[in-house]
Amino acid sequence: MNWTLVLVGFSLAVLMGAALVSLLVAVRPEWSARRRRLTAAFILPAITLVATLLGILFVATARHGQSERIEDLAIAALATIGGGFTLLAFVGGLVGATLASLRHRK
């Protein structure tokens, strides 16, 4: 896999975490800063996890014909890549949310 894809994914997760925590400051000012950060950091990984599970479900239920032997490999690859990007999205979202929270505190 190309490292550029990982860097772009991390950068987008940081931007989304920062944007979501800024949105939550306006929408839910009664929440604590920690709750806003964690909520903002968990939204993109949740979306990524749902997309990964839908991809696995699609591969598992599709008619394969001659290539039925590769189904296990495809499911393992989807789970590995999806799990990695879910973790990357959480870390990036947490970094972005934390940096945006520091800016709002001043």
C-alpha atoms as a PDB file:
ATOM      1  CA  MET A   1       0.000   0.000   0.000  1.00  0.00           C
ATOM      2  CA  ASN A   2       1.180   3.474  -0.804  1.00  0.00           C
ATOM      3  CA  TRP A   3       2.197   5.601   2.224  1.00  0.00           C
ATOM      4  CA  THR A   4       0.618   8.642   0.624  1.00  0.00           C
ATOM      5  CA  LEU A   5      -2.796   7.078   1.177  1.00  0.00           C
ATOM      6  CA  VAL A   6      -2.036   6.648   4.883  1.00  0.00           C
ATOM      7  CA  LEU A   7      -0.838  10.241   5.229  1.00  0.00           C
ATOM      8  CA  VAL A   8      -3.871  11.624   3.404  1.00  0.00           C
ATOM      9  CA  GLY A   9      -6.179   9.486   5.570  1.00  0.00           C
ATOM     10  CA  PHE A  10      -4.515  10.733   8.739  1.00  0.00           C
ATOM     11  CA  SER A  11      -4.674  14.347   7.571  1.00  0.00           C
ATOM     12  CA  LEU A  12      -8.361  14.072   6.730  1.00  0.00           C
ATOM     13  CA  ALA A  13      -9.041  12.497  10.129  1.00  0.00           C
ATOM     14  CA  VAL A  14      -7.240  15.370  11.867  1.00  0.00           C
ATOM     15  CA  LEU A  15      -9.260  17.937   9.908  1.00  0.00           C
ATOM     16  CA  MET A  16     -12.543  16.153  10.577  1.00  0.00           C
ATOM     17  CA  GLY A  17     -11.798  15.840  14.293  1.00  0.00           C
ATOM     18  CA  ALA A  18     -10.988  19.539  14.511  1.00  0.00           C
ATOM     19  CA  ALA A  19     -14.092  20.520  12.554  1.00  0.00           C
ATOM     20  CA  LEU A  20     -16.387  18.300  14.604  1.00  0.00           C
ATOM     21  CA  VAL A  21     -15.107  19.550  17.953  1.00  0.00           C
ATOM     22  CA  SER A  22     -15.615  23.118  16.736  1.00  0.00           C
ATOM     23  CA  LEU A  23     -19.158  22.218  15.697  1.00  0.00           C
ATOM     24  CA  LEU A  24     -19.830  20.552  19.050  1.00  0.00           C
ATOM     25  CA  VAL A  25     -18.657  23.675  20.907  1.00  0.00           C
ATOM     26  CA  ALA A  26     -21.433  25.600  19.185  1.00  0.00           C
ATOM     27  CA  VAL A  27     -24.101  22.897  19.305  1.00  0.00           C
ATOM     28  CA  ARG A  28     -23.451  21.400  22.756  1.00  0.00           C
ATOM     29  CA  PRO A  29     -21.761  24.045  24.952  1.00  0.00           C
ATOM     30  CA  GLU A  30     -22.968  22.283  28.123  1.00  0.00           C
ATOM     31  CA  TRP A  31     -20.814  19.220  27.394  1.00  0.00           C
ATOM     32  CA  SER A  32     -17.374  19.003  28.950  1.00  0.00           C
ATOM     33  CA  ALA A  33     -14.341  19.540  26.742  1.00  0.00           C
ATOM     34  CA  ARG A  34     -13.325  15.905  27.185  1.00  0.00           C
ATOM     35  CA  ARG A  35     -16.725  14.629  26.085  1.00  0.00           C
ATOM     36  CA  ARG A  36     -16.672  16.854  22.989  1.00  0.00           C
ATOM     37  CA  ARG A  37     -13.158  15.663  22.087  1.00  0.00           C
ATOM     38  CA  LEU A  38     -14.026  11.984  22.442  1.00  0.00           C
ATOM     39  CA  THR A  39     -17.305  12.349  20.557  1.00  0.00           C
ATOM     40  CA  ALA A  40     -15.564  14.157  17.708  1.00  0.00           C
ATOM     41  CA  ALA A  41     -12.799  11.552  17.647  1.00  0.00           C
ATOM     42  CA  PHE A  42     -15.214   8.587  17.514  1.00  0.00           C
ATOM     43  CA  ILE A  43     -17.460   9.702  14.632  1.00  0.00           C
ATOM     44  CA  LEU A  44     -15.097   9.025  11.711  1.00  0.00           C
ATOM     45  CA  PRO A  45     -13.909   5.634  13.074  1.00  0.00           C
ATOM     46  CA  ALA A  46     -17.545   4.610  13.484  1.00  0.00           C
ATOM     47  CA  ILE A  47     -18.243   5.482   9.844  1.00  0.00           C
ATOM     48  CA  THR A  48     -15.089   3.625   8.755  1.00  0.00           C
ATOM     49  CA  LEU A  49     -16.035   0.573  10.802  1.00  0.00           C
ATOM     50  CA  VAL A  50     -19.545   0.464   9.322  1.00  0.00           C
ATOM     51  CA  ALA A  51     -18.116   0.750   5.791  1.00  0.00           C
ATOM     52  CA  THR A  52     -15.662  -2.076   6.528  1.00  0.00           C
ATOM     53  CA  LEU A  53     -18.406  -4.320   7.875  1.00  0.00           C
ATOM     54  CA  LEU A  54     -20.599  -3.587   4.846  1.00  0.00           C
ATOM     55  CA  GLY A  55     -17.688  -4.475   2.538  1.00  0.00           C
ATOM     56  CA  ILE A  56     -17.099  -7.749   4.380  1.00  0.00           C
ATOM     57  CA  LEU A  57     -20.818  -8.526   4.230  1.00  0.00           C
ATOM     58  CA  PHE A  58     -20.862  -7.802   0.501  1.00  0.00           C
ATOM     59  CA  VAL A  59     -17.928 -10.142  -0.155  1.00  0.00           C
ATOM     60  CA  ALA A  60     -19.352 -12.872   2.074  1.00  0.00           C
ATOM     61  CA  THR A  61     -22.794 -12.864   0.448  1.00  0.00           C
ATOM     62  CA  ALA A  62     -21.819 -12.341  -3.205  1.00  0.00           C
ATOM     63  CA  ARG A  63     -21.908 -15.146  -5.742  1.00  0.00           C
ATOM     64  CA  HIS A  64     -18.307 -16.009  -6.512  1.00  0.00           C
ATOM     65  CA  GLY A  65     -18.460 -18.645  -9.227  1.00  0.00           C
ATOM     66  CA  GLN A  66     -14.952 -19.903 -10.006  1.00  0.00           C
ATOM     67  CA  SER A  67     -13.109 -17.685  -7.491  1.00  0.00           C
ATOM     68  CA  GLU A  68     -14.807 -18.996  -4.356  1.00  0.00           C
ATOM     69  CA  ARG A  69     -11.452 -20.021  -2.844  1.00  0.00           C
ATOM     70  CA  ILE A  70     -10.309 -16.431  -2.492  1.00  0.00           C
ATOM     71  CA  GLU A  71     -13.267 -15.294  -0.375  1.00  0.00           C
ATOM     72  CA  ASP A  72     -11.431 -15.898   2.919  1.00  0.00           C
ATOM     73  CA  LEU A  73      -8.425 -13.939   1.704  1.00  0.00           C
ATOM     74  CA  ALA A  74     -10.604 -11.025   0.571  1.00  0.00           C
ATOM     75  CA  ILE A  75     -12.432 -10.924   3.907  1.00  0.00           C
ATOM     76  CA  ALA A  76      -9.142 -11.017   5.832  1.00  0.00           C
ATOM     77  CA  ALA A  77      -7.709  -8.225   3.675  1.00  0.00           C
ATOM     78  CA  LEU A  78     -10.823  -6.064   4.126  1.00  0.00           C
ATOM     79  CA  ALA A  79     -10.790  -6.627   7.885  1.00  0.00           C
ATOM     80  CA  THR A  80      -7.086  -5.799   8.171  1.00  0.00           C
ATOM     81  CA  ILE A  81      -7.169  -2.682   6.020  1.00  0.00           C
ATOM     82  CA  GLY A  82     -10.480  -1.492   7.472  1.00  0.00           C
ATOM     83  CA  GLY A  83      -9.281  -2.071  11.030  1.00  0.00           C
ATOM     84  CA  GLY A  84      -6.070  -0.200  10.324  1.00  0.00           C
ATOM     85  CA  PHE A  85      -7.891   2.769   8.860  1.00  0.00           C
ATOM     86  CA  THR A  86     -10.360   2.730  11.753  1.00  0.00           C
ATOM     87  CA  LEU A  87      -7.473   2.996  14.202  1.00  0.00           C
ATOM     88  CA  LEU A  88      -5.818   5.658  12.061  1.00  0.00           C
ATOM     89  CA  ALA A  89      -9.082   7.636  11.945  1.00  0.00           C
ATOM     90  CA  PHE A  90      -9.437   7.487  15.720  1.00  0.00           C
ATOM     91  CA  VAL A  91      -5.882   8.659  16.391  1.00  0.00           C
ATOM     92  CA  GLY A  92      -6.115  11.399  13.759  1.00  0.00           C
ATOM     93  CA  GLY A  93      -9.517  12.527  15.004  1.00  0.00           C
ATOM     94  CA  LEU A  94      -8.255  12.646  18.572  1.00  0.00           C
ATOM     95  CA  VAL A  95      -5.230  14.715  17.547  1.00  0.00           C
ATOM     96  CA  GLY A  96      -7.394  17.160  15.581  1.00  0.00           C
ATOM     97  CA  ALA A  97     -10.012  17.403  18.320  1.00  0.00           C
ATOM     98  CA  THR A  98      -7.361  18.013  20.966  1.00  0.00           C
ATOM     99  CA  LEU A  99      -5.652  20.721  18.942  1.00  0.00           C
ATOM    100  CA  ALA A 100      -8.959  22.453  18.203  1.00  0.00           C
ATOM    101  CA  SER A 101      -9.966  22.217  21.877  1.00  0.00           C
ATOM    102  CA  LEU A 102      -6.753  23.934  22.893  1.00  0.00           C
ATOM    103  CA  ARG A 103      -7.552  26.775  20.499  1.00  0.00           C
ATOM    104  CA  HIS A 104     -11.090  27.188  21.882  1.00  0.00           C
ATOM    105  CA  ARG A 105      -9.866  27.262  25.474  1.00  0.00           C
ATOM    106  CA  LYS A 106      -7.975  30.541  25.015  1.00  0.00           C
END
